[in-house]
C-alpha atoms as a PDB file:
ATOM      1  CA  MET A   1      18.098  41.584  82.513  1.00  0.00           C
ATOM      2  CA  LYS A   2      18.050  45.280  81.527  1.00  0.00           C
ATOM      3  CA  TRP A   3      14.888  47.005  80.321  1.00  0.00           C
ATOM      4  CA  PRO A   4      13.910  48.240  77.839  1.00  0.00           C
ATOM      5  CA  ASN A   5      16.487  47.680  75.092  1.00  0.00           C
ATOM      6  CA  ASN A   6      15.491  46.623  71.523  1.00  0.00           C
ATOM      7  CA  LYS A   7      15.226  42.795  71.621  1.00  0.00           C
ATOM      8  CA  LEU A   8      14.941  42.814  75.406  1.00  0.00           C
ATOM      9  CA  LEU A   9      12.143  45.387  75.191  1.00  0.00           C
ATOM     10  CA  ILE A  10      10.240  43.160  72.761  1.00  0.00           C
ATOM     11  CA  ILE A  11      10.658  40.123  75.017  1.00  0.00           C
ATOM     12  CA  ILE A  12       9.606  42.029  78.128  1.00  0.00           C
ATOM     13  CA  SER A  13       6.661  43.680  76.374  1.00  0.00           C
ATOM     14  CA  LEU A  14       5.392  40.263  75.284  1.00  0.00           C
ATOM     15  CA  ALA A  15       5.847  38.910  78.801  1.00  0.00           C
ATOM     16  CA  LEU A  16       3.954  41.812  80.331  1.00  0.00           C
ATOM     17  CA  LEU A  17       1.196  41.485  77.737  1.00  0.00           C
ATOM     18  CA  LEU A  18       0.779  37.790  78.514  1.00  0.00           C
ATOM     19  CA  SER A  19       0.616  38.558  82.242  1.00  0.00           C
ATOM     20  CA  GLY A  20      -2.044  41.229  81.661  1.00  0.00           C
ATOM     21  CA  CYS A  21       0.295  44.055  82.624  1.00  0.00           C
ATOM     22  CA  ASN A  22       0.579  47.250  80.562  1.00  0.00           C
ATOM     23  CA  ILE A  23       3.150  49.381  82.380  1.00  0.00           C
ATOM     24  CA  GLN A  24       4.187  52.730  80.919  1.00  0.00           C
ATOM     25  CA  ILE A  25       7.829  53.749  81.241  1.00  0.00           C
ATOM     26  CA  ASN A  26       8.576  57.436  81.761  1.00  0.00           C
ATOM     27  CA  ASP A  27      12.204  58.222  80.989  1.00  0.00           C
ATOM     28  CA  THR A  28      11.723  61.984  81.097  1.00  0.00           C
ATOM     29  CA  ALA A  29      11.837  62.583  84.850  1.00  0.00           C
ATOM     30  CA  PRO A  30      13.588  65.867  85.729  1.00  0.00           C
ATOM     31  CA  VAL A  31      17.363  65.583  85.710  1.00  0.00           C
ATOM     32  CA  ALA A  32      19.672  68.047  87.449  1.00  0.00           C
ATOM     33  CA  GLU A  33      22.208  69.942  85.390  1.00  0.00           C
ATOM     34  CA  ASN A  34      25.799  68.817  85.846  1.00  0.00           C
ATOM     35  CA  GLN A  35      27.363  70.689  88.752  1.00  0.00           C
ATOM     36  CA  THR A  36      30.836  72.083  88.441  1.00  0.00           C
ATOM     37  CA  ASN A  37      31.619  71.974  92.137  1.00  0.00           C
ATOM     38  CA  ASN A  38      31.600  69.149  94.649  1.00  0.00           C
ATOM     39  CA  THR A  39      29.101  70.555  97.122  1.00  0.00           C
ATOM     40  CA  VAL A  40      25.355  70.887  97.458  1.00  0.00           C
ATOM     41  CA  SER A  41      24.171  74.197  98.864  1.00  0.00           C
ATOM     42  CA  GLU A  42      22.255  74.275 102.118  1.00  0.00           C
ATOM     43  CA  GLN A  43      18.580  73.592 101.496  1.00  0.00           C
ATOM     44  CA  PRO A  44      15.819  75.747 102.991  1.00  0.00           C
ATOM     45  CA  VAL A  45      13.662  73.961 105.554  1.00  0.00           C
ATOM     46  CA  SER A  46       9.926  74.606 105.646  1.00  0.00           C
ATOM     47  CA  SER A  47       9.222  72.182 108.494  1.00  0.00           C
ATOM     48  CA  GLU A  48      10.713  69.245 110.340  1.00  0.00           C
ATOM     49  CA  THR A  49      11.741  66.232 108.322  1.00  0.00           C
ATOM     50  CA  ARG A  50      11.260  62.768 109.814  1.00  0.00           C
ATOM     51  CA  ILE A  51      12.887  59.646 108.433  1.00  0.00           C
ATOM     52  CA  HIS A  52      11.653  56.257 109.613  1.00  0.00           C
ATOM     53  CA  TYR A  53      13.884  53.220 109.084  1.00  0.00           C
ATOM     54  CA  LEU A  54      11.357  50.437 109.537  1.00  0.00           C
ATOM     55  CA  ASP A  55      12.240  47.145 111.159  1.00  0.00           C
ATOM     56  CA  VAL A  56      11.072  44.757 108.447  1.00  0.00           C
ATOM     57  CA  GLY A  57      13.494  41.937 109.156  1.00  0.00           C
ATOM     58  CA  GLN A  58      15.963  41.114 106.401  1.00  0.00           C
ATOM     59  CA  GLY A  59      14.880  43.912 104.088  1.00  0.00           C
ATOM     60  CA  ASP A  60      14.581  47.663 103.588  1.00  0.00           C
ATOM     61  CA  ALA A  61      11.668  50.049 104.036  1.00  0.00           C
ATOM     62  CA  VAL A  62      12.181  53.764 104.741  1.00  0.00           C
ATOM     63  CA  LEU A  63       9.482  56.425 105.139  1.00  0.00           C
ATOM     64  CA  VAL A  64      10.506  60.057 104.584  1.00  0.00           C
ATOM     65  CA  GLN A  65       8.066  62.745 105.765  1.00  0.00           C
ATOM     66  CA  SER A  66       8.720  66.347 104.814  1.00  0.00           C
ATOM     67  CA  ALA A  67       6.417  69.379 104.654  1.00  0.00           C
ATOM     68  CA  GLY A  68       3.283  67.227 104.629  1.00  0.00           C
ATOM     69  CA  GLN A  69       4.572  64.933 101.897  1.00  0.00           C
ATOM     70  CA  ASN A  70       5.461  61.250 102.148  1.00  0.00           C
ATOM     71  CA  MET A  71       8.064  59.239 100.267  1.00  0.00           C
ATOM     72  CA  LEU A  72       8.570  55.499 100.694  1.00  0.00           C
ATOM     73  CA  ILE A  73      11.916  53.955  99.743  1.00  0.00           C
ATOM     74  CA  ASP A  74      11.375  50.184  99.367  1.00  0.00           C
ATOM     75  CA  ALA A  75       8.776  48.156 101.248  1.00  0.00           C
ATOM     76  CA  GLY A  76      10.408  45.025 102.660  1.00  0.00           C
ATOM     77  CA  ASP A  77       9.657  41.528 101.417  1.00  0.00           C
ATOM     78  CA  ASN A  78       6.258  40.013 100.625  1.00  0.00           C
ATOM     79  CA  SER A  79       5.624  38.935 104.207  1.00  0.00           C
ATOM     80  CA  HIS A  80       6.087  42.494 105.520  1.00  0.00           C
ATOM     81  CA  GLY A  81       3.834  44.388 103.101  1.00  0.00           C
ATOM     82  CA  GLN A  82       0.904  44.636 105.510  1.00  0.00           C
ATOM     83  CA  GLN A  83       3.239  45.613 108.348  1.00  0.00           C
ATOM     84  CA  VAL A  84       4.478  48.533 106.244  1.00  0.00           C
ATOM     85  CA  VAL A  85       0.884  49.546 105.456  1.00  0.00           C
ATOM     86  CA  ASP A  86      -0.077  49.407 109.137  1.00  0.00           C
ATOM     87  CA  TYR A  87       2.930  51.530 110.090  1.00  0.00           C
ATOM     88  CA  LEU A  88       2.194  54.155 107.439  1.00  0.00           C
ATOM     89  CA  GLU A  89      -1.412  54.388 108.611  1.00  0.00           C
ATOM     90  CA  ALA A  90      -0.253  54.760 112.225  1.00  0.00           C
ATOM     91  CA  MET A  91       1.947  57.663 111.079  1.00  0.00           C
ATOM     92  CA  GLY A  92      -1.067  59.391 109.539  1.00  0.00           C
ATOM     93  CA  VAL A  93      -0.130  58.667 105.931  1.00  0.00           C
ATOM     94  CA  GLU A  94      -3.128  58.922 103.606  1.00  0.00           C
ATOM     95  CA  GLN A  95      -1.226  59.289 100.335  1.00  0.00           C
ATOM     96  CA  LEU A  96       2.270  58.536  99.094  1.00  0.00           C
ATOM     97  CA  ASP A  97       3.711  61.310  96.956  1.00  0.00           C
ATOM     98  CA  ILE A  98       6.676  59.174  95.884  1.00  0.00           C
ATOM     99  CA  ILE A  99       7.557  55.493  95.963  1.00  0.00           C
ATOM    100  CA  VAL A 100      11.084  54.389  95.073  1.00  0.00           C
ATOM    101  CA  GLY A 101      11.880  50.744  94.442  1.00  0.00           C
ATOM    102  CA  THR A 102      15.666  50.807  94.687  1.00  0.00           C
ATOM    103  CA  HIS A 103      16.072  47.551  92.724  1.00  0.00           C
ATOM    104  CA  PRO A 104      13.947  44.478  91.971  1.00  0.00           C
ATOM    105  CA  HIS A 105      15.083  42.116  94.732  1.00  0.00           C
ATOM    106  CA  ALA A 106      12.159  40.813  96.783  1.00  0.00           C
ATOM    107  CA  ASP A 107      13.515  41.992 100.143  1.00  0.00           C
ATOM    108  CA  HIS A 108      13.204  45.554  98.833  1.00  0.00           C
ATOM    109  CA  ILE A 109      10.120  45.550  96.593  1.00  0.00           C
ATOM    110  CA  GLY A 110       8.241  42.428  97.733  1.00  0.00           C
ATOM    111  CA  GLY A 111       5.795  44.372  99.925  1.00  0.00           C
ATOM    112  CA  MET A 112       5.356  47.212  97.466  1.00  0.00           C
ATOM    113  CA  ASP A 113       2.304  45.784  95.706  1.00  0.00           C
ATOM    114  CA  THR A 114       0.488  45.646  99.068  1.00  0.00           C
ATOM    115  CA  VAL A 115       1.401  49.296  99.709  1.00  0.00           C
ATOM    116  CA  LEU A 116       0.289  50.350  96.215  1.00  0.00           C
ATOM    117  CA  GLN A 117      -3.064  48.682  96.762  1.00  0.00           C
ATOM    118  CA  ALA A 118      -3.535  50.441 100.116  1.00  0.00           C
ATOM    119  CA  PHE A 119      -2.662  54.061  99.265  1.00  0.00           C
ATOM    120  CA  PRO A 120      -3.068  56.448  96.348  1.00  0.00           C
ATOM    121  CA  VAL A 121       0.385  57.100  94.897  1.00  0.00           C
ATOM    122  CA  LYS A 122       1.495  60.092  92.803  1.00  0.00           C
ATOM    123  CA  ALA A 123       4.819  58.902  91.377  1.00  0.00           C
ATOM    124  CA  VAL A 124       6.881  55.711  91.170  1.00  0.00           C
ATOM    125  CA  TYR A 125      10.628  55.577  90.494  1.00  0.00           C
ATOM    126  CA  MET A 126      12.587  52.431  89.681  1.00  0.00           C
ATOM    127  CA  PRO A 127      15.906  51.794  87.921  1.00  0.00           C
ATOM    128  CA  ARG A 128      15.755  50.587  84.319  1.00  0.00           C
ATOM    129  CA  ILE A 129      16.362  46.952  85.123  1.00  0.00           C
ATOM    130  CA  SER A 130      13.983  44.022  85.106  1.00  0.00           C
ATOM    131  CA  HIS A 131      13.577  40.732  86.962  1.00  0.00           C
ATOM    132  CA  THR A 132      11.777  37.474  86.305  1.00  0.00           C
ATOM    133  CA  SER A 133      10.440  37.013  89.843  1.00  0.00           C
ATOM    134  CA  ALA A 134       6.782  36.841  90.816  1.00  0.00           C
ATOM    135  CA  SER A 135       7.398  39.679  93.301  1.00  0.00           C
ATOM    136  CA  PHE A 136       8.546  41.999  90.519  1.00  0.00           C
ATOM    137  CA  ARG A 137       5.586  41.047  88.331  1.00  0.00           C
ATOM    138  CA  ASP A 138       3.178  41.708  91.218  1.00  0.00           C
ATOM    139  CA  VAL A 139       4.618  45.204  91.660  1.00  0.00           C
ATOM    140  CA  LEU A 140       4.224  45.944  87.948  1.00  0.00           C
ATOM    141  CA  ASN A 141       0.610  44.791  88.067  1.00  0.00           C
ATOM    142  CA  ALA A 142      -0.082  46.985  91.109  1.00  0.00           C
ATOM    143  CA  ILE A 143       1.472  49.992  89.347  1.00  0.00           C
ATOM    144  CA  GLU A 144      -0.735  49.372  86.321  1.00  0.00           C
ATOM    145  CA  GLU A 145      -3.843  49.174  88.497  1.00  0.00           C
ATOM    146  CA  GLN A 146      -3.177  52.750  89.654  1.00  0.00           C
ATOM    147  CA  ASN A 147      -2.583  53.871  86.037  1.00  0.00           C
ATOM    148  CA  LEU A 148       0.898  55.058  86.970  1.00  0.00           C
ATOM    149  CA  LYS A 149       4.036  55.409  84.905  1.00  0.00           C
ATOM    150  CA  ILE A 150       7.444  54.211  86.058  1.00  0.00           C
ATOM    151  CA  ASN A 151       9.871  57.119  86.198  1.00  0.00           C
ATOM    152  CA  THR A 152      13.425  55.981  85.581  1.00  0.00           C
ATOM    153  CA  ALA A 153      15.593  56.198  88.693  1.00  0.00           C
ATOM    154  CA  ARG A 154      18.949  57.403  87.380  1.00  0.00           C
ATOM    155  CA  ALA A 155      21.774  59.691  88.418  1.00  0.00           C
ATOM    156  CA  GLY A 156      20.784  63.359  88.422  1.00  0.00           C
ATOM    157  CA  THR A 157      17.052  62.853  88.901  1.00  0.00           C
ATOM    158  CA  ILE A 158      15.502  65.314  91.376  1.00  0.00           C
ATOM    159  CA  LEU A 159      12.651  63.812  93.365  1.00  0.00           C
ATOM    160  CA  PRO A 160       9.670  66.176  93.866  1.00  0.00           C
ATOM    161  CA  LEU A 161       9.734  66.238  97.668  1.00  0.00           C
ATOM    162  CA  THR A 162       8.932  69.560  99.332  1.00  0.00           C
ATOM    163  CA  GLY A 163      11.096  71.081 102.079  1.00  0.00           C
ATOM    164  CA  VAL A 164      14.289  69.209 101.176  1.00  0.00           C
ATOM    165  CA  LYS A 165      16.466  68.456  98.189  1.00  0.00           C
ATOM    166  CA  ALA A 166      16.114  64.785  97.293  1.00  0.00           C
ATOM    167  CA  GLU A 167      18.304  63.586  94.445  1.00  0.00           C
ATOM    168  CA  ILE A 168      19.035  60.194  92.925  1.00  0.00           C
ATOM    169  CA  LEU A 169      22.820  59.863  92.594  1.00  0.00           C
ATOM    170  CA  ALA A 170      23.019  56.362  91.110  1.00  0.00           C
ATOM    171  CA  PRO A 171      22.951  54.131  89.163  1.00  0.00           C
ATOM    172  CA  VAL A 172      25.450  55.983  87.014  1.00  0.00           C
ATOM    173  CA  LYS A 173      25.859  53.145  84.482  1.00  0.00           C
ATOM    174  CA  ASP A 174      23.494  50.707  82.797  1.00  0.00           C
ATOM    175  CA  ASN A 175      25.710  47.664  82.330  1.00  0.00           C
ATOM    176  CA  TYR A 176      26.297  46.067  85.722  1.00  0.00           C
ATOM    177  CA  GLU A 177      26.436  42.304  86.086  1.00  0.00           C
ATOM    178  CA  ASP A 178      25.145  42.289  89.669  1.00  0.00           C
ATOM    179  CA  LEU A 179      21.577  43.505  90.136  1.00  0.00           C
ATOM    180  CA  ASN A 180      22.521  45.135  93.456  1.00  0.00           C
ATOM    181  CA  ASN A 181      24.667  47.694  91.649  1.00  0.00           C
ATOM    182  CA  TYR A 182      21.626  49.075  89.822  1.00  0.00           C
ATOM    183  CA  SER A 183      20.322  50.273  93.200  1.00  0.00           C
ATOM    184  CA  ALA A 184      18.851  53.754  93.239  1.00  0.00           C
ATOM    185  CA  VAL A 185      21.096  55.708  95.616  1.00  0.00           C
ATOM    186  CA  ILE A 186      19.324  58.718  97.134  1.00  0.00           C
ATOM    187  CA  ARG A 187      20.747  61.740  98.953  1.00  0.00           C
ATOM    188  CA  ILE A 188      18.425  64.003 100.914  1.00  0.00           C
ATOM    189  CA  VAL A 189      19.623  67.418 102.115  1.00  0.00           C
ATOM    190  CA  CYS A 190      17.620  69.231 104.775  1.00  0.00           C
ATOM    191  CA  GLY A 191      19.192  72.491 105.881  1.00  0.00           C
ATOM    192  CA  LYS A 192      22.683  71.624 107.121  1.00  0.00           C
ATOM    193  CA  ARG A 193      21.922  67.912 107.438  1.00  0.00           C
ATOM    194  CA  ALA A 194      22.191  65.197 104.804  1.00  0.00           C
ATOM    195  CA  PHE A 195      21.060  61.575 104.568  1.00  0.00           C
ATOM    196  CA  LEU A 196      22.321  58.932 102.139  1.00  0.00           C
ATOM    197  CA  PHE A 197      20.408  55.783 101.190  1.00  0.00           C
ATOM    198  CA  MET A 198      22.442  53.099  99.422  1.00  0.00           C
ATOM    199  CA  GLY A 199      19.922  50.353  98.670  1.00  0.00           C
ATOM    200  CA  ASP A 200      22.078  47.266  98.036  1.00  0.00           C
ATOM    201  CA  ALA A 201      24.783  49.106  96.061  1.00  0.00           C
ATOM    202  CA  GLU A 202      28.116  47.299  96.277  1.00  0.00           C
ATOM    203  CA  LYS A 203      31.755  48.364  95.944  1.00  0.00           C
ATOM    204  CA  GLU A 204      31.651  48.567  92.134  1.00  0.00           C
ATOM    205  CA  ALA A 205      28.727  51.003  92.228  1.00  0.00           C
ATOM    206  CA  GLU A 206      30.411  52.921  95.059  1.00  0.00           C
ATOM    207  CA  ALA A 207      33.565  53.319  92.953  1.00  0.00           C
ATOM    208  CA  ASP A 208      31.529  54.563  89.979  1.00  0.00           C
ATOM    209  CA  LEU A 209      29.748  57.021  92.260  1.00  0.00           C
ATOM    210  CA  LEU A 210      33.052  58.301  93.658  1.00  0.00           C
ATOM    211  CA  ALA A 211      34.384  58.748  90.116  1.00  0.00           C
ATOM    212  CA  THR A 212      31.578  61.204  89.315  1.00  0.00           C
ATOM    213  CA  GLY A 213      32.853  63.662  91.932  1.00  0.00           C
ATOM    214  CA  THR A 214      29.343  64.034  93.340  1.00  0.00           C
ATOM    215  CA  ASP A 215      29.105  65.318  96.904  1.00  0.00           C
ATOM    216  CA  LEU A 216      28.384  62.251  99.032  1.00  0.00           C
ATOM    217  CA  LYS A 217      28.794  63.782 102.486  1.00  0.00           C
ATOM    218  CA  ALA A 218      26.019  62.731 104.837  1.00  0.00           C
ATOM    219  CA  ASP A 219      25.353  62.820 108.550  1.00  0.00           C
ATOM    220  CA  VAL A 220      23.413  59.563 108.344  1.00  0.00           C
ATOM    221  CA  LEU A 221      24.283  56.662 106.048  1.00  0.00           C
ATOM    222  CA  LYS A 222      21.824  53.849 105.350  1.00  0.00           C
ATOM    223  CA  VAL A 223      24.475  51.183 104.856  1.00  0.00           C
ATOM    224  CA  GLY A 224      24.393  49.269 101.578  1.00  0.00           C
ATOM    225  CA  HIS A 225      23.368  45.619 101.283  1.00  0.00           C
ATOM    226  CA  HIS A 226      22.461  45.060 104.939  1.00  0.00           C
ATOM    227  CA  GLY A 227      26.036  45.442 106.152  1.00  0.00           C
ATOM    228  CA  SER A 228      27.541  42.947 103.733  1.00  0.00           C
ATOM    229  CA  ASN A 229      31.303  43.074 103.156  1.00  0.00           C
ATOM    230  CA  SER A 230      30.462  43.593  99.473  1.00  0.00           C
ATOM    231  CA  SER A 231      29.606  47.227 100.303  1.00  0.00           C
ATOM    232  CA  THR A 232      30.779  50.195 102.406  1.00  0.00           C
ATOM    233  CA  SER A 233      34.369  50.346 101.182  1.00  0.00           C
ATOM    234  CA  GLU A 234      37.019  52.463 102.899  1.00  0.00           C
ATOM    235  CA  PRO A 235      37.213  55.049 100.057  1.00  0.00           C
ATOM    236  CA  PHE A 236      33.448  55.362 100.086  1.00  0.00           C
ATOM    237  CA  LEU A 237      33.277  55.891 103.859  1.00  0.00           C
ATOM    238  CA  SER A 238      36.072  58.470 103.635  1.00  0.00           C
ATOM    239  CA  SER A 239      33.974  60.457 101.182  1.00  0.00           C
ATOM    240  CA  VAL A 240      30.646  60.196 103.033  1.00  0.00           C
ATOM    241  CA  LYS A 241      32.058  60.844 106.540  1.00  0.00           C
ATOM    242  CA  PRO A 242      28.830  59.929 108.366  1.00  0.00           C
ATOM    243  CA  GLN A 243      28.162  60.392 112.063  1.00  0.00           C
ATOM    244  CA  TYR A 244      25.668  57.553 112.090  1.00  0.00           C
ATOM    245  CA  ALA A 245      25.395  54.327 110.116  1.00  0.00           C
ATOM    246  CA  ILE A 246      22.063  52.519 109.997  1.00  0.00           C
ATOM    247  CA  ILE A 247      22.111  48.845 109.077  1.00  0.00           C
ATOM    248  CA  MET A 248      18.761  47.309 108.116  1.00  0.00           C
ATOM    249  CA  LEU A 249      18.678  43.545 108.601  1.00  0.00           C
ATOM    250  CA  GLY A 250      16.955  40.627 110.272  1.00  0.00           C
ATOM    251  CA  ALA A 251      18.130  38.946 113.457  1.00  0.00           C
ATOM    252  CA  ASP A 252      20.000  35.667 112.908  1.00  0.00           C
ATOM    253  CA  ASN A 253      19.724  36.033 109.138  1.00  0.00           C
ATOM    254  CA  PRO A 254      21.236  33.239 107.009  1.00  0.00           C
ATOM    255  CA  TYR A 255      23.724  35.587 105.280  1.00  0.00           C
ATOM    256  CA  GLY A 256      25.762  36.472 108.365  1.00  0.00           C
ATOM    257  CA  HIS A 257      24.864  40.165 108.004  1.00  0.00           C
ATOM    258  CA  PRO A 258      26.278  42.447 109.144  1.00  0.00           C
ATOM    259  CA  HIS A 259      29.693  41.121 108.230  1.00  0.00           C
ATOM    260  CA  THR A 260      32.519  41.623 110.712  1.00  0.00           C
ATOM    261  CA  GLU A 261      34.675  43.432 108.149  1.00  0.00           C
ATOM    262  CA  THR A 262      31.998  46.078 107.602  1.00  0.00           C
ATOM    263  CA  LEU A 263      31.516  46.637 111.327  1.00  0.00           C
ATOM    264  CA  LYS A 264      35.276  47.026 111.763  1.00  0.00           C
ATOM    265  CA  ARG A 265      35.449  49.651 109.008  1.00  0.00           C
ATOM    266  CA  LEU A 266      32.617  51.608 110.607  1.00  0.00           C
ATOM    267  CA  ASN A 267      34.113  51.346 114.093  1.00  0.00           C
ATOM    268  CA  ARG A 268      37.572  52.414 112.892  1.00  0.00           C
ATOM    269  CA  SER A 269      35.986  55.575 111.517  1.00  0.00           C
ATOM    270  CA  GLY A 270      34.274  56.324 114.831  1.00  0.00           C
ATOM    271  CA  ILE A 271      30.795  56.034 113.303  1.00  0.00           C
ATOM    272  CA  LYS A 272      27.878  55.324 115.640  1.00  0.00           C
ATOM    273  CA  ILE A 273      26.049  52.185 114.474  1.00  0.00           C
ATOM    274  CA  LEU A 274      22.302  51.617 114.739  1.00  0.00           C
ATOM    275  CA  ARG A 275      20.753  48.312 113.636  1.00  0.00           C
ATOM    276  CA  THR A 276      17.125  47.413 113.087  1.00  0.00           C
ATOM    277  CA  ASP A 277      17.748  43.870 114.360  1.00  0.00           C
ATOM    278  CA  LEU A 278      18.931  45.297 117.691  1.00  0.00           C
ATOM    279  CA  ASN A 279      17.245  48.719 117.903  1.00  0.00           C
ATOM    280  CA  GLY A 280      13.998  48.028 116.032  1.00  0.00           C
ATOM    281  CA  THR A 281      12.491  50.827 113.966  1.00  0.00           C
ATOM    282  CA  ILE A 282      14.682  53.946 114.021  1.00  0.00           C
ATOM    283  CA  ILE A 283      13.248  57.454 113.585  1.00  0.00           C
ATOM    284  CA  ILE A 284      15.450  60.478 112.938  1.00  0.00           C
ATOM    285  CA  THR A 285      13.945  63.966 113.079  1.00  0.00           C
ATOM    286  CA  THR A 286      15.746  67.090 111.922  1.00  0.00           C
ATOM    287  CA  ASP A 287      14.963  70.782 111.669  1.00  0.00           C
ATOM    288  CA  GLY A 288      17.945  71.206 109.367  1.00  0.00           C
ATOM    289  CA  ASN A 289      20.317  71.759 112.289  1.00  0.00           C
ATOM    290  CA  SER A 290      19.984  69.164 115.039  1.00  0.00           C
ATOM    291  CA  LEU A 291      19.253  65.444 114.809  1.00  0.00           C
ATOM    292  CA  GLN A 292      16.892  63.670 117.197  1.00  0.00           C
ATOM    293  CA  ILE A 293      16.997  59.863 117.222  1.00  0.00           C
ATOM    294  CA  GLU A 294      14.323  57.531 118.589  1.00  0.00           C
ATOM    295  CA  THR A 295      14.444  53.741 118.586  1.00  0.00           C
ATOM    296  CA  ASP A 296      12.022  50.969 119.541  1.00  0.00           C
ATOM    297  CA  ARG A 297      14.625  49.261 121.690  1.00  0.00           C
END
């Protein structure tokens, strides 16, 4: 269900009113001007940037730390919310400058209400799509409690993160049938290094992203949809050309992730694979030139 949109907006507004939620939607987040070339210029680096790919089982949670600021992309499922909070506290996080909920599936935003209740948050970004789940409603209630607005996560939006360029590249359309394809896709450029975060975006969203001509090149790719064969197509990989692929998933998950076909595509391209089910939490540090990788296991 998309939101808001005439009749749908009325229905959702009534639903939120009945649930005691009064979320404000901000659709005026800064949007980058259309670029005429297919490259992003090297970004100045004011300090080291650290990206933490948290082991939260079958889900996503990524902490980005740059120039004293903190951005959280997703927060795992409901059962991992406190784990995410504990990890952020251990990393010295006292405030979150940005939270991005890539899409409303519980394995991505389920723990976000717990995080919102634990830390002051400056800005929240989510795609303009709704869900009927209790997890989604809990997140909306937690956002309201902090008197925050939801900034629309859409292609061209520049995220206010110091020391890097952080841009939302997708969703590029607003009429997908599969909720995964509404995923907020984020590219972060730090000096000469780039990182791409795909949420659960599948092949249809990848094709739409390729059609825009946007520069997708990245040294590190957070693989879409936990390594499912529904994502990480050959044309997409050929455009991104990553050195490293990070797959976030739970051990012995019931979906068979990562799928063999996806692993074969990555291996054929000579991409080094890191997995949270095998390597635990993965931390990548860059000064804009080199990459340093640490893993739990």
